């Protein structure tokens, strides 16, 4: 079984440089253009099912890729980005000024809850459950976010959740994984 993990394209410019884990916003003009190119590029790729996180930025791309195909598109919120709690909407610079080196704990301590939100361990549990719940089809496209994709890749590579930062895909990047039926 082939699983295509696709990170959403860039979000609205007002969110550039901000922490927007669970915040729900649309794509920038650049992101909308990239979504169109991605859908065109994937038109010839066999896809039997599409799963997205339910966020606007993943749903719209999933629907675009599905257009003209007779396949199911489902929502699984376990693919949502990490909840950053009180940090949501703040600029990363403002978080750094407010918290200093504490911000780094989200990369080094699996149980740290940035902004009081979800820990890396929470994200790992949710994304592994989503991975195991994927449709049993030959080719599944998952339109998700950087954190869940990076966390899953780290775990499948036998790395601790704190190494997920090494596996973060770029916006619009497609990662192909093989999975046993």
Protein backbone atom coordinates (compact mmCIF):
# COMPACT_ATOMS: atom_id res chain seq x y z
CA UNK A 1 0.00 0.00 0.00
CA UNK A 2 1.35 3.40 -0.98
CA UNK A 3 0.61 6.42 1.22
CA UNK A 4 1.23 9.88 -0.19
CA UNK A 5 1.61 12.46 2.59
CA UNK A 6 1.08 15.98 1.30
CA UNK A 7 1.66 19.08 3.39
CA UNK A 8 -0.74 21.91 2.65
CA UNK A 9 0.51 24.89 0.57
CA UNK A 10 1.38 28.25 2.19
CA UNK A 11 -1.35 29.91 4.25
CA UNK A 12 -2.67 33.47 4.12
CA UNK A 13 0.15 36.02 4.28
CA UNK A 14 -1.15 37.50 7.57
CA UNK A 15 -0.05 34.23 9.24
CA UNK A 16 3.51 34.20 7.87
CA UNK A 17 5.97 33.90 10.77
CA UNK A 18 3.18 33.05 13.20
CA UNK A 19 2.35 29.98 15.22
CA UNK A 20 -0.83 28.62 13.61
CA UNK A 21 -1.11 24.97 14.63
CA UNK A 22 -4.87 24.49 15.09
CA UNK A 23 -5.84 27.96 13.85
CA UNK A 24 -7.94 27.52 10.74
CA UNK A 25 -7.21 29.82 7.83
CA UNK A 26 -7.18 29.64 4.06
CA UNK A 27 -4.32 29.61 1.62
CA UNK A 28 -2.39 32.61 0.37
CA UNK A 29 -2.57 33.50 -3.33
CA UNK A 30 0.74 31.71 -3.70
CA UNK A 31 -0.74 28.72 -1.84
CA UNK A 32 -3.83 28.67 -4.07
CA UNK A 33 -1.63 28.69 -7.18
CA UNK A 34 0.54 25.90 -5.75
CA UNK A 35 -2.60 23.87 -4.91
CA UNK A 36 -3.65 24.11 -8.55
CA UNK A 37 -0.24 22.93 -9.73
CA UNK A 38 -0.24 20.07 -7.23
CA UNK A 39 -3.70 18.93 -8.38
CA UNK A 40 -2.53 19.05 -12.00
CA UNK A 41 0.69 17.17 -11.19
CA UNK A 42 -1.26 14.46 -9.33
CA UNK A 43 -3.93 14.07 -12.05
CA UNK A 44 -2.15 11.07 -13.59
CA UNK A 45 -1.19 9.53 -10.22
CA UNK A 46 -3.38 6.60 -9.14
CA UNK A 47 -5.15 7.54 -5.90
CA UNK A 48 -7.85 5.32 -4.42
CA UNK A 49 -8.81 7.39 -1.37
CA UNK A 50 -8.07 10.82 0.07
CA UNK A 51 -7.96 11.73 3.76
CA UNK A 52 -7.50 15.27 5.07
CA UNK A 53 -7.34 16.84 8.51
CA UNK A 54 -10.50 18.91 8.16
CA UNK A 55 -8.69 22.26 8.30
CA UNK A 56 -9.57 24.65 5.47
CA UNK A 57 -5.99 24.55 4.18
CA UNK A 58 -6.09 20.76 3.75
CA UNK A 59 -9.74 20.31 2.78
CA UNK A 60 -9.56 22.65 -0.20
CA UNK A 61 -6.49 20.92 -1.61
CA UNK A 62 -7.99 17.45 -1.03
CA UNK A 63 -11.15 18.49 -2.88
CA UNK A 64 -9.10 19.91 -5.75
CA UNK A 65 -7.11 16.69 -6.15
CA UNK A 66 -10.32 14.61 -5.96
CA UNK A 67 -12.13 16.62 -8.64
CA UNK A 68 -12.90 14.40 -11.62
CA UNK A 69 -12.06 11.19 -9.76
CA UNK A 70 -14.54 8.67 -8.41
CA UNK A 71 -12.91 8.32 -4.98
CA UNK A 72 -13.85 8.93 -1.38
CA UNK A 73 -12.61 12.01 0.46
CA UNK A 74 -12.79 11.70 4.23
CA UNK A 75 -11.86 13.84 7.19
CA UNK A 76 -9.75 12.56 10.06
CA UNK A 77 -8.95 15.26 12.64
CA UNK A 78 -6.12 13.13 14.01
CA UNK A 79 -4.10 14.53 11.07
CA UNK A 80 -4.56 18.09 12.41
CA UNK A 81 -1.53 20.13 13.34
CA UNK A 82 -0.40 20.26 16.94
CA UNK A 83 -2.40 22.48 19.29
CA UNK A 84 -0.08 25.22 20.57
CA UNK A 85 -2.57 26.49 23.17
CA UNK A 86 -1.98 30.11 24.18
CA UNK A 87 0.78 30.45 21.56
CA UNK A 88 -1.72 30.17 18.68
CA UNK A 89 -1.62 33.32 16.56
CA UNK A 90 1.48 34.78 18.20
CA UNK A 91 4.52 35.48 16.07
CA UNK A 92 7.40 33.08 16.72
CA UNK A 93 9.53 36.12 17.60
CA UNK A 94 6.99 37.24 20.23
CA UNK A 95 6.90 33.72 21.70
CA UNK A 96 10.70 33.74 21.90
CA UNK A 97 10.73 37.19 23.58
CA UNK A 98 8.08 36.03 26.07
CA UNK A 99 9.41 32.56 26.85
CA UNK A 100 13.09 32.63 25.88
CA UNK A 101 14.77 29.26 25.74
CA UNK A 102 11.62 27.61 27.13
CA UNK A 103 10.38 27.56 23.54
CA UNK A 104 13.13 25.06 22.69
CA UNK A 105 11.63 22.54 25.12
CA UNK A 106 9.03 21.53 22.51
CA UNK A 107 11.92 20.11 20.46
CA UNK A 108 13.75 18.42 23.32
CA UNK A 109 11.08 17.22 25.78
CA UNK A 110 8.36 14.91 24.45
CA UNK A 111 5.97 15.77 27.30
CA UNK A 112 6.37 19.56 27.09
CA UNK A 113 3.12 21.36 26.21
CA UNK A 114 3.93 24.53 24.24
CA UNK A 115 1.50 27.27 25.24
CA UNK A 116 -0.30 24.69 27.37
CA UNK A 117 -1.38 22.81 24.22
CA UNK A 118 -0.42 19.34 23.03
CA UNK A 119 2.85 17.62 23.79
CA UNK A 120 4.96 15.90 21.16
CA UNK A 121 3.91 12.60 22.71
CA UNK A 122 0.22 13.58 22.30
CA UNK A 123 0.83 14.35 18.64
CA UNK A 124 2.69 11.07 18.14
CA UNK A 125 -0.17 9.03 19.63
CA UNK A 126 -2.77 10.82 17.52
CA UNK A 127 -0.85 10.50 14.25
CA UNK A 128 -0.04 6.82 14.80
CA UNK A 129 -3.74 6.14 15.40
CA UNK A 130 -4.55 8.03 12.17
CA UNK A 131 -1.86 6.05 10.28
CA UNK A 132 -3.34 2.73 11.42
CA UNK A 133 -6.88 3.88 10.54
CA UNK A 134 -6.10 4.77 6.91
CA UNK A 135 -8.32 3.12 4.30
CA UNK A 136 -6.99 -0.22 3.08
CA UNK A 137 -6.56 0.89 -0.51
CA UNK A 138 -3.56 0.50 -2.85
CA UNK A 139 -2.87 4.27 -2.91
CA UNK A 140 -4.04 6.76 -0.28
CA UNK A 141 -3.38 10.49 -0.31
CA UNK A 142 -3.26 12.21 3.09
CA UNK A 143 -3.40 16.00 3.00
CA UNK A 144 -2.11 17.17 6.35
CA UNK A 145 0.31 19.47 8.16
CA UNK A 146 4.04 19.65 8.82
CA UNK A 147 3.93 18.48 12.44
CA UNK A 148 1.94 15.26 11.97
CA UNK A 149 3.86 14.34 8.81
CA UNK A 150 7.23 14.99 10.44
CA UNK A 151 6.25 13.12 13.60
CA UNK A 152 5.05 10.08 11.65
CA UNK A 153 8.20 10.03 9.52
CA UNK A 154 10.42 10.23 12.60
CA UNK A 155 8.56 7.40 14.33
CA UNK A 156 8.58 5.17 11.24
CA UNK A 157 12.33 5.80 10.92
CA UNK A 158 12.77 4.56 14.50
CA UNK A 159 13.60 8.04 15.80
CA UNK A 160 12.22 9.64 18.97
CA UNK A 161 9.46 12.21 18.63
CA UNK A 162 11.99 14.91 19.54
CA UNK A 163 13.70 14.25 16.17
CA UNK A 164 10.56 15.11 14.18
CA UNK A 165 12.07 18.52 13.42
CA UNK A 166 14.49 16.69 11.07
CA UNK A 167 11.56 15.40 8.98
CA UNK A 168 9.41 18.51 8.43
CA UNK A 169 8.35 18.76 4.77
CA UNK A 170 8.06 22.10 2.98
CA UNK A 171 4.61 23.51 2.25
CA UNK A 172 3.25 21.65 -0.76
CA UNK A 173 5.84 18.86 -0.47
CA UNK A 174 4.76 15.27 -1.17
CA UNK A 175 6.29 12.41 0.80
CA UNK A 176 5.67 8.84 -0.38
CA UNK A 177 5.67 5.98 2.13
CA UNK A 178 5.01 2.28 1.74
CA UNK A 179 2.76 0.54 4.21
CA UNK A 180 1.93 -3.12 4.66
CA UNK A 181 -1.69 -4.07 4.09
